[in-house]
Amino acid sequence: MDPRPASATARGRRFGGILAAAVGLAAGLTAGTGAFAAGAEGPTAETTGPKRALHFDVFLDERPIGFQRFELAPGAEGLTVETRARFELTLLRIKALDYDHHDREHWRGGCLHSIESRTRQNGKDYRVTGRATAGGFTVEGQEGHQRLASCVGTFSYWDKAQLLRQTKLLNSQTGEYLAVATKALGRGALRLGDREIAVDRYVIEGEDLEIHLAYTQDGSEWVALDSPLFAGRELRYRRRLADLDAPATIVPSPPAD
């Protein structure tokens, strides 16, 4: 999904951009699954644990507009992440947003090994494919054919350690390779349902890009995303509480050399 925000032209680009990054999330989404806590010890994500799902409800301000789901499946040859996002928004009986995103990523040793995504946003189709090769990561998307660095990352909020070390991230909706800076904002509290959760806060910044993330302090579970849009509006992701009660069985991949 495109991580950047939205303006009539700039609005459409911004909203689509933020959606694409937020969603692509990731396909891209975090160390964040309790399972991927930075600094945890044990076997790597490539060889440990059953499939795990992360479910987020998505809002425009306080208004529900859809969901995003991440399925993380570790295996002998790496970690596979499947993402689905579906958003709809109707204003004054006019459909302002109709968004459907599918993404499949394969990771090895903390680096993206392959990606295949397809997105339909308000009738426009996007497709991205990419694969690690001996000469670097090759990707085909809206920017055409590109050869990138050997260890590429996406807006994978489920891997906080990867986000913190990368200075460029791949937009899984468009194939753009975006310059970013990620920094810690300190500790705070977040209300999810009837719970108040102690969190560590971070922000990812870039051109037309500002994404605020929250992770639990007691397990580095990714629990929230907030990104400013146009006219003071905000895109908001909130983790479903049932996820946080599930056992965390996946540990992070080691950082790339």
C-alpha atoms as a PDB file:
ATOM      1  CA  MET A   1       0.000   0.000   0.000  1.00  0.00           C
ATOM      2  CA  ASP A   2       1.124   3.544  -0.662  1.00  0.00           C
ATOM      3  CA  PRO A   3       2.325   5.212   2.552  1.00  0.00           C
ATOM      4  CA  ARG A   4       1.805   8.843   1.554  1.00  0.00           C
ATOM      5  CA  PRO A   5      -1.262  11.110   2.248  1.00  0.00           C
ATOM      6  CA  ALA A   6      -4.171  12.939  -0.017  1.00  0.00           C
ATOM      7  CA  SER A   7      -5.266  16.676  -2.153  1.00  0.00           C
ATOM      8  CA  ALA A   8      -7.787  17.152  -5.048  1.00  0.00           C
ATOM      9  CA  THR A   9      -4.758  16.398  -7.107  1.00  0.00           C
ATOM     10  CA  ALA A  10      -2.437  16.629  -4.176  1.00  0.00           C
ATOM     11  CA  ARG A  11      -5.200  15.236  -2.033  1.00  0.00           C
ATOM     12  CA  GLY A  12      -5.701  12.223  -4.232  1.00  0.00           C
ATOM     13  CA  ARG A  13      -1.969  11.688  -4.454  1.00  0.00           C
ATOM     14  CA  ARG A  14      -1.462  12.171  -0.716  1.00  0.00           C
ATOM     15  CA  PHE A  15      -4.321   9.933   0.371  1.00  0.00           C
ATOM     16  CA  GLY A  16      -3.344   7.271  -2.108  1.00  0.00           C
ATOM     17  CA  GLY A  17       0.250   7.677  -1.060  1.00  0.00           C
ATOM     18  CA  ILE A  18      -0.423   7.338   2.584  1.00  0.00           C
ATOM     19  CA  LEU A  19      -2.701   4.406   1.931  1.00  0.00           C
ATOM     20  CA  ALA A  20      -0.003   2.795  -0.131  1.00  0.00           C
ATOM     21  CA  ALA A  21       2.627   3.227   2.520  1.00  0.00           C
ATOM     22  CA  ALA A  22       0.382   2.462   5.347  1.00  0.00           C
ATOM     23  CA  VAL A  23      -0.950  -0.549   3.652  1.00  0.00           C
ATOM     24  CA  GLY A  24       2.119  -1.442   2.093  1.00  0.00           C
ATOM     25  CA  LEU A  25       2.149  -1.709   4.334  1.00  0.00           C
ATOM     26  CA  ALA A  26       3.215  -3.431   4.171  1.00  0.00           C
ATOM     27  CA  ALA A  27       2.152  -5.062   3.187  1.00  0.00           C
ATOM     28  CA  GLY A  28       3.552  -4.145   4.508  1.00  0.00           C
ATOM     29  CA  LEU A  29       3.202  -4.220   9.027  1.00  0.00           C
ATOM     30  CA  THR A  30       6.080  -4.759  12.719  1.00  0.00           C
ATOM     31  CA  ALA A  31       8.631  -5.906  15.106  1.00  0.00           C
ATOM     32  CA  GLY A  32       5.445  -5.434  15.956  1.00  0.00           C
ATOM     33  CA  THR A  33       3.883  -8.660  16.401  1.00  0.00           C
ATOM     34  CA  GLY A  34       5.136  -9.428  19.792  1.00  0.00           C
ATOM     35  CA  ALA A  35       6.514 -12.123  17.804  1.00  0.00           C
ATOM     36  CA  PHE A  36       9.044  -9.945  16.140  1.00  0.00           C
ATOM     37  CA  ALA A  37      10.298  -7.998  19.117  1.00  0.00           C
ATOM     38  CA  ALA A  38      13.640  -6.388  18.472  1.00  0.00           C
ATOM     39  CA  GLY A  39      16.313  -7.844  20.666  1.00  0.00           C
ATOM     40  CA  ALA A  40      14.464 -11.080  21.395  1.00  0.00           C
ATOM     41  CA  GLU A  41      16.596 -14.191  21.561  1.00  0.00           C
ATOM     42  CA  GLY A  42      15.973 -17.561  19.987  1.00  0.00           C
ATOM     43  CA  PRO A  43      15.681 -19.186  16.553  1.00  0.00           C
ATOM     44  CA  THR A  44      15.137 -16.952  13.540  1.00  0.00           C
ATOM     45  CA  ALA A  45      11.729 -16.132  12.083  1.00  0.00           C
ATOM     46  CA  GLU A  46      12.624 -18.233   9.048  1.00  0.00           C
ATOM     47  CA  THR A  47      12.558 -21.444  11.056  1.00  0.00           C
ATOM     48  CA  THR A  48      10.311 -20.847  14.063  1.00  0.00           C
ATOM     49  CA  GLY A  49       6.625 -20.812  14.891  1.00  0.00           C
ATOM     50  CA  PRO A  50       3.238 -21.266  13.217  1.00  0.00           C
ATOM     51  CA  LYS A  51       1.430 -18.804  10.973  1.00  0.00           C
ATOM     52  CA  ARG A  52       0.221 -15.702  12.781  1.00  0.00           C
ATOM     53  CA  ALA A  53      -2.319 -13.029  11.771  1.00  0.00           C
ATOM     54  CA  LEU A  54      -2.460  -9.315  12.623  1.00  0.00           C
ATOM     55  CA  HIS A  55      -5.818  -7.570  12.265  1.00  0.00           C
ATOM     56  CA  PHE A  56      -6.292  -3.799  12.139  1.00  0.00           C
ATOM     57  CA  ASP A  57      -9.474  -1.760  11.929  1.00  0.00           C
ATOM     58  CA  VAL A  58      -8.952   1.346   9.798  1.00  0.00           C
ATOM     59  CA  PHE A  59     -10.585   4.744  10.349  1.00  0.00           C
ATOM     60  CA  LEU A  60     -10.753   8.173   8.742  1.00  0.00           C
ATOM     61  CA  ASP A  61     -10.792  10.241  11.933  1.00  0.00           C
ATOM     62  CA  GLU A  62     -13.378   8.300  13.991  1.00  0.00           C
ATOM     63  CA  ARG A  63     -15.230   6.866  10.994  1.00  0.00           C
ATOM     64  CA  PRO A  64     -14.613   3.171  10.157  1.00  0.00           C
ATOM     65  CA  ILE A  65     -13.579   2.717   6.510  1.00  0.00           C
ATOM     66  CA  GLY A  66     -12.276  -0.865   6.429  1.00  0.00           C
ATOM     67  CA  PHE A  67      -9.581  -3.257   7.574  1.00  0.00           C
ATOM     68  CA  GLN A  68      -6.057  -4.461   6.935  1.00  0.00           C
ATOM     69  CA  ARG A  69      -4.901  -7.999   7.700  1.00  0.00           C
ATOM     70  CA  PHE A  70      -1.369  -9.407   7.741  1.00  0.00           C
ATOM     71  CA  GLU A  71      -0.571 -13.132   7.786  1.00  0.00           C
ATOM     72  CA  LEU A  72       2.999 -14.055   8.724  1.00  0.00           C
ATOM     73  CA  ALA A  73       4.177 -17.574   7.966  1.00  0.00           C
ATOM     74  CA  PRO A  74       7.751 -18.590   8.873  1.00  0.00           C
ATOM     75  CA  GLY A  75       9.336 -21.497   7.037  1.00  0.00           C
ATOM     76  CA  ALA A  76      12.651 -23.160   6.278  1.00  0.00           C
ATOM     77  CA  GLU A  77      13.361 -20.735   3.403  1.00  0.00           C
ATOM     78  CA  GLY A  78      12.265 -17.504   5.047  1.00  0.00           C
ATOM     79  CA  LEU A  79       9.255 -15.527   6.199  1.00  0.00           C
ATOM     80  CA  THR A  80       6.199 -15.085   3.967  1.00  0.00           C
ATOM     81  CA  VAL A  81       3.907 -12.114   4.636  1.00  0.00           C
ATOM     82  CA  GLU A  82       0.478 -11.880   2.971  1.00  0.00           C
ATOM     83  CA  THR A  83      -1.412  -8.580   3.231  1.00  0.00           C
ATOM     84  CA  ARG A  84      -4.994  -7.675   2.361  1.00  0.00           C
ATOM     85  CA  ALA A  85      -6.499  -4.198   2.762  1.00  0.00           C
ATOM     86  CA  ARG A  86     -10.046  -3.172   1.881  1.00  0.00           C
ATOM     87  CA  PHE A  87     -11.310   0.403   2.347  1.00  0.00           C
ATOM     88  CA  GLU A  88     -14.538   2.105   1.277  1.00  0.00           C
ATOM     89  CA  LEU A  89     -15.693   5.661   1.954  1.00  0.00           C
ATOM     90  CA  THR A  90     -18.933   7.317   0.780  1.00  0.00           C
ATOM     91  CA  LEU A  91     -19.497  11.056   1.197  1.00  0.00           C
ATOM     92  CA  LEU A  92     -22.800  12.713   0.247  1.00  0.00           C
ATOM     93  CA  ARG A  93     -23.832   9.486  -1.540  1.00  0.00           C
ATOM     94  CA  ILE A  94     -20.685   9.604  -3.669  1.00  0.00           C
ATOM     95  CA  LYS A  95     -18.052   6.867  -3.304  1.00  0.00           C
ATOM     96  CA  ALA A  96     -14.935   8.889  -2.453  1.00  0.00           C
ATOM     97  CA  LEU A  97     -12.701   5.868  -1.897  1.00  0.00           C
ATOM     98  CA  ASP A  98     -12.808   2.299  -3.158  1.00  0.00           C
ATOM     99  CA  TYR A  99      -9.529   0.566  -2.309  1.00  0.00           C
ATOM    100  CA  ASP A 100      -8.492  -3.091  -2.557  1.00  0.00           C
ATOM    101  CA  HIS A 101      -4.870  -4.175  -1.984  1.00  0.00           C
ATOM    102  CA  HIS A 102      -3.243  -7.639  -2.034  1.00  0.00           C
ATOM    103  CA  ASP A 103       0.454  -8.152  -1.348  1.00  0.00           C
ATOM    104  CA  ARG A 104       2.713 -11.185  -0.923  1.00  0.00           C
ATOM    105  CA  GLU A 105       6.288 -10.698   0.312  1.00  0.00           C
ATOM    106  CA  HIS A 106       9.028 -13.194   1.063  1.00  0.00           C
ATOM    107  CA  TRP A 107      11.848 -12.226   3.451  1.00  0.00           C
ATOM    108  CA  ARG A 108      15.222 -13.844   4.154  1.00  0.00           C
ATOM    109  CA  GLY A 109      17.743 -12.708   6.763  1.00  0.00           C
ATOM    110  CA  GLY A 110      15.972  -9.391   7.370  1.00  0.00           C
ATOM    111  CA  CYS A 111      15.906  -8.445   3.636  1.00  0.00           C
ATOM    112  CA  LEU A 112      13.086  -8.544   1.090  1.00  0.00           C
ATOM    113  CA  HIS A 113      13.599 -11.525  -1.231  1.00  0.00           C
ATOM    114  CA  SER A 114      10.524 -11.134  -3.460  1.00  0.00           C
ATOM    115  CA  ILE A 115       7.295  -9.156  -3.738  1.00  0.00           C
ATOM    116  CA  GLU A 116       4.116  -9.382  -5.786  1.00  0.00           C
ATOM    117  CA  SER A 117       1.284  -6.916  -5.208  1.00  0.00           C
ATOM    118  CA  ARG A 118      -1.850  -5.774  -6.979  1.00  0.00           C
ATOM    119  CA  THR A 119      -4.028  -2.828  -6.020  1.00  0.00           C
ATOM    120  CA  ARG A 120      -7.204  -1.210  -7.335  1.00  0.00           C
ATOM    121  CA  GLN A 121      -7.793   2.338  -6.108  1.00  0.00           C
ATOM    122  CA  ASN A 122     -10.880   4.150  -7.403  1.00  0.00           C
ATOM    123  CA  GLY A 123     -10.803   2.131 -10.620  1.00  0.00           C
ATOM    124  CA  LYS A 124      -7.055   2.504 -11.253  1.00  0.00           C
ATOM    125  CA  ASP A 125      -4.938  -0.652 -11.211  1.00  0.00           C
ATOM    126  CA  TYR A 126      -1.395  -0.942  -9.838  1.00  0.00           C
ATOM    127  CA  ARG A 127       0.937  -3.914  -9.951  1.00  0.00           C
ATOM    128  CA  VAL A 128       4.408  -4.424  -8.467  1.00  0.00           C
ATOM    129  CA  THR A 129       6.728  -7.394  -8.833  1.00  0.00           C
ATOM    130  CA  GLY A 130      10.291  -7.746  -7.602  1.00  0.00           C
ATOM    131  CA  ARG A 131      12.999 -10.248  -6.742  1.00  0.00           C
ATOM    132  CA  ALA A 132      16.471 -10.358  -5.210  1.00  0.00           C
ATOM    133  CA  THR A 133      19.189 -11.166  -7.746  1.00  0.00           C
ATOM    134  CA  ALA A 134      22.972 -11.401  -7.678  1.00  0.00           C
ATOM    135  CA  GLY A 135      23.151  -7.781  -8.891  1.00  0.00           C
ATOM    136  CA  GLY A 136      20.627  -6.306  -6.438  1.00  0.00           C
ATOM    137  CA  PHE A 137      16.863  -6.227  -5.991  1.00  0.00           C
ATOM    138  CA  THR A 138      15.019  -5.741  -9.301  1.00  0.00           C
ATOM    139  CA  VAL A 139      11.483  -4.305  -9.234  1.00  0.00           C
ATOM    140  CA  GLU A 140       8.848  -3.508 -11.847  1.00  0.00           C
ATOM    141  CA  GLY A 141       6.117  -0.988 -10.991  1.00  0.00           C
ATOM    142  CA  GLN A 142       4.750   2.466 -11.796  1.00  0.00           C
ATOM    143  CA  GLU A 143       8.343   3.736 -12.089  1.00  0.00           C
ATOM    144  CA  GLY A 144       9.160   1.061 -14.686  1.00  0.00           C
ATOM    145  CA  HIS A 145      12.086  -1.337 -14.227  1.00  0.00           C
ATOM    146  CA  GLN A 146      14.535  -0.518 -11.420  1.00  0.00           C
ATOM    147  CA  ARG A 147      17.566  -2.192  -9.889  1.00  0.00           C
ATOM    148  CA  LEU A 148      17.854  -1.325  -6.201  1.00  0.00           C
ATOM    149  CA  ALA A 149      20.202  -2.113  -3.309  1.00  0.00           C
ATOM    150  CA  SER A 150      20.921  -5.724  -2.377  1.00  0.00           C
ATOM    151  CA  CYS A 151      19.037  -5.515   0.961  1.00  0.00           C
ATOM    152  CA  VAL A 152      15.714  -3.766   0.359  1.00  0.00           C
ATOM    153  CA  GLY A 153      12.890  -3.218   2.850  1.00  0.00           C
ATOM    154  CA  THR A 154       9.237  -2.242   2.484  1.00  0.00           C
ATOM    155  CA  PHE A 155       7.019  -0.345   4.912  1.00  0.00           C
ATOM    156  CA  SER A 156       6.955  -3.541   7.000  1.00  0.00           C
ATOM    157  CA  TYR A 157       5.637  -2.189  10.279  1.00  0.00           C
ATOM    158  CA  TRP A 158       5.769  -5.704  11.690  1.00  0.00           C
ATOM    159  CA  ASP A 159       9.589  -5.452  11.680  1.00  0.00           C
ATOM    160  CA  LYS A 160      10.564  -2.423  13.754  1.00  0.00           C
ATOM    161  CA  ALA A 161      14.292  -3.206  13.579  1.00  0.00           C
ATOM    162  CA  GLN A 162      14.162  -3.170   9.755  1.00  0.00           C
ATOM    163  CA  LEU A 163      12.331   0.169   9.732  1.00  0.00           C
ATOM    164  CA  LEU A 164      14.853   1.754  12.088  1.00  0.00           C
ATOM    165  CA  ARG A 165      17.914   0.817  10.032  1.00  0.00           C
ATOM    166  CA  GLN A 166      16.644   1.599   6.511  1.00  0.00           C
ATOM    167  CA  THR A 167      17.003   5.038   4.890  1.00  0.00           C
ATOM    168  CA  LYS A 168      14.934   4.069   1.831  1.00  0.00           C
ATOM    169  CA  LEU A 169      11.805   1.913   1.693  1.00  0.00           C
ATOM    170  CA  LEU A 170       9.944   0.310  -1.185  1.00  0.00           C
ATOM    171  CA  ASN A 171       6.326   1.361  -1.712  1.00  0.00           C
ATOM    172  CA  SER A 172       4.554  -1.950  -2.288  1.00  0.00           C
ATOM    173  CA  GLN A 173       1.667  -0.341  -4.208  1.00  0.00           C
ATOM    174  CA  THR A 174       3.629   1.725  -6.737  1.00  0.00           C
ATOM    175  CA  GLY A 175       7.173   0.324  -6.700  1.00  0.00           C
ATOM    176  CA  GLU A 176       8.675   3.709  -5.766  1.00  0.00           C
ATOM    177  CA  TYR A 177      11.835   3.622  -3.642  1.00  0.00           C
ATOM    178  CA  LEU A 178      11.315   6.405  -1.100  1.00  0.00           C
ATOM    179  CA  ALA A 179      13.849   8.202   1.073  1.00  0.00           C
ATOM    180  CA  VAL A 180      12.737   8.089   4.724  1.00  0.00           C
ATOM    181  CA  ALA A 181      13.918   8.886   8.228  1.00  0.00           C
ATOM    182  CA  THR A 182      12.549   6.986  11.227  1.00  0.00           C
ATOM    183  CA  LYS A 183      12.987   8.314  14.748  1.00  0.00           C
ATOM    184  CA  ALA A 184      11.790   7.548  18.260  1.00  0.00           C
ATOM    185  CA  LEU A 185       9.304   9.971  19.841  1.00  0.00           C
ATOM    186  CA  GLY A 186       9.354   8.561  23.362  1.00  0.00           C
ATOM    187  CA  ARG A 187       6.887   6.704  25.529  1.00  0.00           C
ATOM    188  CA  GLY A 188       3.186   7.251  26.047  1.00  0.00           C
ATOM    189  CA  ALA A 189      -0.182   5.548  26.485  1.00  0.00           C
ATOM    190  CA  LEU A 190      -2.743   4.344  23.936  1.00  0.00           C
ATOM    191  CA  ARG A 191      -6.352   3.329  24.544  1.00  0.00           C
ATOM    192  CA  LEU A 192      -7.498   0.208  22.690  1.00  0.00           C
ATOM    193  CA  GLY A 193     -11.072  -0.698  23.534  1.00  0.00           C
ATOM    194  CA  ASP A 194     -11.304  -0.865  27.315  1.00  0.00           C
ATOM    195  CA  ARG A 195      -7.527  -1.084  27.801  1.00  0.00           C
ATOM    196  CA  GLU A 196      -4.877   1.559  28.223  1.00  0.00           C
ATOM    197  CA  ILE A 197      -1.569   0.265  26.862  1.00  0.00           C
ATOM    198  CA  ALA A 198       1.926   1.604  27.527  1.00  0.00           C
ATOM    199  CA  VAL A 199       3.588   2.206  24.143  1.00  0.00           C
ATOM    200  CA  ASP A 200       6.801   3.345  22.472  1.00  0.00           C
ATOM    201  CA  ARG A 201       6.131   5.852  19.680  1.00  0.00           C
ATOM    202  CA  TYR A 202       8.009   6.369  16.392  1.00  0.00           C
ATOM    203  CA  VAL A 203       7.547   8.473  13.261  1.00  0.00           C
ATOM    204  CA  ILE A 204       8.526   7.743   9.654  1.00  0.00           C
ATOM    205  CA  GLU A 205       9.045  10.935   7.631  1.00  0.00           C
ATOM    206  CA  GLY A 206       9.731  11.613   3.978  1.00  0.00           C
ATOM    207  CA  GLU A 207       8.452  13.723   1.092  1.00  0.00           C
ATOM    208  CA  ASP A 208       4.643  14.011   1.495  1.00  0.00           C
ATOM    209  CA  LEU A 209       4.948  11.348   4.176  1.00  0.00           C
ATOM    210  CA  GLU A 210       4.386  11.324   7.926  1.00  0.00           C
ATOM    211  CA  ILE A 211       3.438   8.051   9.631  1.00  0.00           C
ATOM    212  CA  HIS A 212       3.225   7.718  13.408  1.00  0.00           C
ATOM    213  CA  LEU A 213       3.544   4.200  14.852  1.00  0.00           C
ATOM    214  CA  ALA A 214       2.991   2.766  18.328  1.00  0.00           C
ATOM    215  CA  TYR A 215       4.418  -0.483  19.736  1.00  0.00           C
ATOM    216  CA  THR A 216       3.725  -2.076  23.110  1.00  0.00           C
ATOM    217  CA  GLN A 217       6.496  -1.573  25.646  1.00  0.00           C
ATOM    218  CA  ASP A 218       6.192  -5.121  26.978  1.00  0.00           C
ATOM    219  CA  GLY A 219       6.576  -6.973  23.673  1.00  0.00           C
ATOM    220  CA  SER A 220       7.067  -4.566  20.762  1.00  0.00           C
ATOM    221  CA  GLU A 221       3.677  -5.482  19.327  1.00  0.00           C
ATOM    222  CA  TRP A 222       2.641  -3.006  16.652  1.00  0.00           C
ATOM    223  CA  VAL A 223      -0.714  -1.632  17.810  1.00  0.00           C
ATOM    224  CA  ALA A 224      -1.424   1.685  16.041  1.00  0.00           C
ATOM    225  CA  LEU A 225      -0.711   3.886  13.039  1.00  0.00           C
ATOM    226  CA  ASP A 226      -1.748   7.534  12.582  1.00  0.00           C
ATOM    227  CA  SER A 227      -1.055   9.666   9.506  1.00  0.00           C
ATOM    228  CA  PRO A 228      -2.264  13.232   8.834  1.00  0.00           C
ATOM    229  CA  LEU A 229      -4.234  13.757   5.633  1.00  0.00           C
ATOM    230  CA  PHE A 230      -5.896  16.819   4.115  1.00  0.00           C
ATOM    231  CA  ALA A 231      -8.000  19.455   5.927  1.00  0.00           C
ATOM    232  CA  GLY A 232      -6.952  18.259   9.364  1.00  0.00           C
ATOM    233  CA  ARG A 233      -8.175  14.704   8.808  1.00  0.00           C
ATOM    234  CA  GLU A 234      -6.272  11.617   9.909  1.00  0.00           C
ATOM    235  CA  LEU A 235      -5.888   8.024   8.768  1.00  0.00           C
ATOM    236  CA  ARG A 236      -5.885   5.715  11.812  1.00  0.00           C
ATOM    237  CA  TYR A 237      -5.101   2.001  12.283  1.00  0.00           C
ATOM    238  CA  ARG A 238      -5.986   0.247  15.538  1.00  0.00           C
ATOM    239  CA  ARG A 239      -5.024  -3.344  16.378  1.00  0.00           C
ATOM    240  CA  ARG A 240      -7.807  -5.706  17.440  1.00  0.00           C
ATOM    241  CA  LEU A 241      -7.469  -6.655  21.079  1.00  0.00           C
ATOM    242  CA  ALA A 242      -7.965 -10.365  20.378  1.00  0.00           C
ATOM    243  CA  ASP A 243      -4.592 -10.367  18.588  1.00  0.00           C
ATOM    244  CA  LEU A 244      -2.796  -9.176  21.706  1.00  0.00           C
ATOM    245  CA  ASP A 245      -4.163 -12.079  23.732  1.00  0.00           C
ATOM    246  CA  ALA A 246      -2.742 -14.635  21.259  1.00  0.00           C
ATOM    247  CA  PRO A 247       0.638 -16.209  22.086  1.00  0.00           C
ATOM    248  CA  ALA A 248       3.666 -14.589  20.448  1.00  0.00           C
ATOM    249  CA  THR A 249       5.616 -17.388  18.811  1.00  0.00           C
ATOM    250  CA  ILE A 250       7.663 -15.759  16.060  1.00  0.00           C
ATOM    251  CA  VAL A 251      10.976 -14.084  16.848  1.00  0.00           C
ATOM    252  CA  PRO A 252      12.787 -11.531  14.675  1.00  0.00           C
ATOM    253  CA  SER A 253      15.143 -12.348  11.864  1.00  0.00           C
ATOM    254  CA  PRO A 254      18.758 -11.321  12.489  1.00  0.00           C
ATOM    255  CA  PRO A 255      19.803  -8.025  10.888  1.00  0.00           C
ATOM    256  CA  ALA A 256      21.488  -8.197   7.502  1.00  0.00           C
ATOM    257  CA  ASP A 257      25.278  -7.963   7.495  1.00  0.00           C
END
